[in-house]
C-alpha atoms as a PDB file:
ATOM      1  CA  MET A   1     -22.187 -12.343   5.504  1.00  0.00           C
ATOM      2  CA  SER A   2     -23.057 -15.155   7.903  1.00  0.00           C
ATOM      3  CA  HIS A   3     -19.488 -14.998   9.270  1.00  0.00           C
ATOM      4  CA  ARG A   4     -20.305 -11.444  10.497  1.00  0.00           C
ATOM      5  CA  ARG A   5     -23.637 -12.247  12.142  1.00  0.00           C
ATOM      6  CA  LYS A   6     -22.267 -11.812  15.684  1.00  0.00           C
ATOM      7  CA  HIS A   7     -20.527  -8.528  14.908  1.00  0.00           C
ATOM      8  CA  LEU A   8     -22.148  -5.223  15.780  1.00  0.00           C
ATOM      9  CA  SER A   9     -22.745  -2.808  12.934  1.00  0.00           C
ATOM     10  CA  SER A  10     -20.154  -0.552  14.582  1.00  0.00           C
ATOM     11  CA  GLN A  11     -17.461  -3.243  14.221  1.00  0.00           C
ATOM     12  CA  PRO A  12     -15.904  -2.940  10.759  1.00  0.00           C
ATOM     13  CA  SER A  13     -14.345  -5.879   8.942  1.00  0.00           C
ATOM     14  CA  GLY A  14     -10.586  -6.107   8.395  1.00  0.00           C
ATOM     15  CA  GLY A  15     -10.965  -4.819   4.854  1.00  0.00           C
ATOM     16  CA  GLN A  16     -13.091  -1.892   6.022  1.00  0.00           C
ATOM     17  CA  GLN A  17     -10.512  -1.070   8.698  1.00  0.00           C
ATOM     18  CA  GLN A  18      -7.774  -1.231   6.051  1.00  0.00           C
ATOM     19  CA  ARG A  19      -9.600   1.200   3.757  1.00  0.00           C
ATOM     20  CA  VAL A  20     -10.204   3.635   6.641  1.00  0.00           C
ATOM     21  CA  ALA A  21      -6.518   3.479   7.607  1.00  0.00           C
ATOM     22  CA  VAL A  22      -5.435   4.272   4.042  1.00  0.00           C
ATOM     23  CA  VAL A  23      -7.796   7.244   3.829  1.00  0.00           C
ATOM     24  CA  GLN A  24      -6.577   8.539   7.206  1.00  0.00           C
ATOM     25  CA  ALA A  25      -2.969   8.220   6.030  1.00  0.00           C
ATOM     26  CA  VAL A  26      -3.478  10.252   2.863  1.00  0.00           C
ATOM     27  CA  VAL A  27      -5.844  12.957   4.077  1.00  0.00           C
ATOM     28  CA  GLY A  28      -4.085  16.309   4.186  1.00  0.00           C
ATOM     29  CA  ASP A  29      -1.986  15.709   1.065  1.00  0.00           C
ATOM     30  CA  PRO A  30       1.162  14.259   2.729  1.00  0.00           C
ATOM     31  CA  ALA A  31       4.600  14.639   1.139  1.00  0.00           C
ATOM     32  CA  ILE A  32       5.563  11.057   2.082  1.00  0.00           C
ATOM     33  CA  VAL A  33       3.352   7.992   2.532  1.00  0.00           C
ATOM     34  CA  LEU A  34       4.734   4.849   4.190  1.00  0.00           C
ATOM     35  CA  ALA A  35       2.413   1.997   3.202  1.00  0.00           C
ATOM     36  CA  ASP A  36       2.980  -1.488   4.632  1.00  0.00           C
ATOM     37  CA  GLU A  37       0.810  -3.883   2.608  1.00  0.00           C
ATOM     38  CA  PRO A  38      -1.886  -1.255   1.947  1.00  0.00           C
ATOM     39  CA  THR A  39      -3.901  -3.773  -0.100  1.00  0.00           C
ATOM     40  CA  GLY A  40      -3.279  -6.800   2.125  1.00  0.00           C
ATOM     41  CA  ASN A  41      -6.834  -7.254   3.452  1.00  0.00           C
ATOM     42  CA  LEU A  42      -8.672  -6.001   0.392  1.00  0.00           C
ATOM     43  CA  ASP A  43     -10.384  -7.692  -2.511  1.00  0.00           C
ATOM     44  CA  SER A  44      -9.048  -6.899  -5.983  1.00  0.00           C
ATOM     45  CA  ARG A  45     -11.530  -4.072  -6.675  1.00  0.00           C
ATOM     46  CA  ASN A  46     -10.762  -2.232  -3.439  1.00  0.00           C
ATOM     47  CA  GLY A  47      -7.043  -2.969  -3.811  1.00  0.00           C
ATOM     48  CA  THR A  48      -7.075  -1.327  -7.217  1.00  0.00           C
ATOM     49  CA  GLU A  49      -8.897   1.699  -5.784  1.00  0.00           C
ATOM     50  CA  VAL A  50      -6.250   2.078  -3.069  1.00  0.00           C
ATOM     51  CA  MET A  51      -3.452   1.767  -5.623  1.00  0.00           C
ATOM     52  CA  ASP A  52      -5.152   4.334  -7.873  1.00  0.00           C
ATOM     53  CA  MET A  53      -5.300   6.719  -4.903  1.00  0.00           C
ATOM     54  CA  LEU A  54      -1.590   6.181  -4.169  1.00  0.00           C
ATOM     55  CA  ASP A  55      -0.782   6.693  -7.874  1.00  0.00           C
ATOM     56  CA  SER A  56      -2.721   9.970  -7.817  1.00  0.00           C
ATOM     57  CA  LEU A  57      -0.809  11.158  -4.750  1.00  0.00           C
ATOM     58  CA  HIS A  58       2.468  10.269  -6.458  1.00  0.00           C
ATOM     59  CA  ARG A  59       1.519  12.145  -9.623  1.00  0.00           C
ATOM     60  CA  GLY A  60       0.827  15.113  -7.329  1.00  0.00           C
ATOM     61  CA  GLY A  61       4.390  14.997  -6.013  1.00  0.00           C
ATOM     62  CA  ALA A  62       4.163  12.704  -2.977  1.00  0.00           C
ATOM     63  CA  THR A  63       6.768  10.037  -2.339  1.00  0.00           C
ATOM     64  CA  ILE A  64       5.189   6.618  -1.802  1.00  0.00           C
ATOM     65  CA  CYS A  65       7.216   3.966   0.010  1.00  0.00           C
ATOM     66  CA  MET A  66       5.192   0.766  -0.138  1.00  0.00           C
ATOM     67  CA  VAL A  67       5.806  -2.808   0.956  1.00  0.00           C
ATOM     68  CA  THR A  68       3.914  -5.486  -0.963  1.00  0.00           C
ATOM     69  CA  HIS A  69       4.104  -9.146  -1.821  1.00  0.00           C
ATOM     70  CA  ASP A  70       1.752  -8.668  -4.780  1.00  0.00           C
ATOM     71  CA  PRO A  71       3.631  -8.412  -8.099  1.00  0.00           C
ATOM     72  CA  ARG A  72       0.647  -6.655  -9.741  1.00  0.00           C
ATOM     73  CA  TYR A  73       1.013  -3.730  -7.362  1.00  0.00           C
ATOM     74  CA  ALA A  74       4.826  -3.799  -7.272  1.00  0.00           C
ATOM     75  CA  GLY A  75       4.750  -3.517 -11.059  1.00  0.00           C
ATOM     76  CA  ARG A  76       3.047  -0.140 -10.769  1.00  0.00           C
ATOM     77  CA  ALA A  77       6.069   1.369  -8.985  1.00  0.00           C
ATOM     78  CA  GLU A  78       8.685   3.506 -10.705  1.00  0.00           C
ATOM     79  CA  ARG A  79      11.334   1.833  -8.571  1.00  0.00           C
ATOM     80  CA  THR A  80      11.385  -1.496  -6.775  1.00  0.00           C
ATOM     81  CA  VAL A  81      13.779  -2.874  -4.201  1.00  0.00           C
ATOM     82  CA  HIS A  82      13.749  -6.633  -3.672  1.00  0.00           C
ATOM     83  CA  LEU A  83      14.652  -7.985  -0.234  1.00  0.00           C
ATOM     84  CA  PHE A  84      15.448 -11.498   0.926  1.00  0.00           C
ATOM     85  CA  ASP A  85      16.111 -12.241   4.588  1.00  0.00           C
ATOM     86  CA  GLY A  86      16.444  -8.514   5.259  1.00  0.00           C
ATOM     87  CA  ARG A  87      19.039  -7.890   2.542  1.00  0.00           C
ATOM     88  CA  VAL A  88      18.716  -6.040  -0.744  1.00  0.00           C
ATOM     89  CA  VAL A  89      19.030  -8.617  -3.511  1.00  0.00           C
ATOM     90  CA  GLY A  90      17.894  -6.548  -6.464  1.00  0.00           C
ATOM     91  CA  THR A  91      16.578  -3.211  -7.637  1.00  0.00           C
ATOM     92  CA  ALA A  92      14.793  -1.958 -10.714  1.00  0.00           C
ATOM     93  CA  GLY A  93      13.839   1.502 -11.890  1.00  0.00           C
ATOM     94  CA  SER A  94      15.412   4.883 -11.238  1.00  0.00           C
ATOM     95  CA  ALA A  95      18.987   5.103  -9.973  1.00  0.00           C
ATOM     96  CA  ALA A  96      18.234   6.456  -6.493  1.00  0.00           C
ATOM     97  CA  THR A  97      20.551   5.144  -3.790  1.00  0.00           C
ATOM     98  CA  VAL A  98      19.254   2.320  -1.589  1.00  0.00           C
ATOM     99  CA  VAL A  99      20.500   2.049   1.980  1.00  0.00           C
ATOM    100  CA  ALA A 100      19.643  -1.121   3.916  1.00  0.00           C
ATOM    101  CA  ILE A 101      20.052  -1.062   7.673  1.00  0.00           C
END
């Protein structure tokens, strides 16, 4: 915690800010969640908690569109779309149509 010694108690860390942002995004039971690296600033325990929350929303009927570089979290998706230099280079999972712009 020495790296935070000059921060005020009202100044959350990046990971704390990330967790707050995820909670704000999912409050109100949204039909669609757009999540750009929702676990990017989190340790593995908190990352798993966020993914469990997104899984729960999906089981409840929400569509989750998530960007991640972490294969552990990508592996939890029903469908994955792999991009390289902005182009779709592969897909896996259900046969929904992918449109790249």
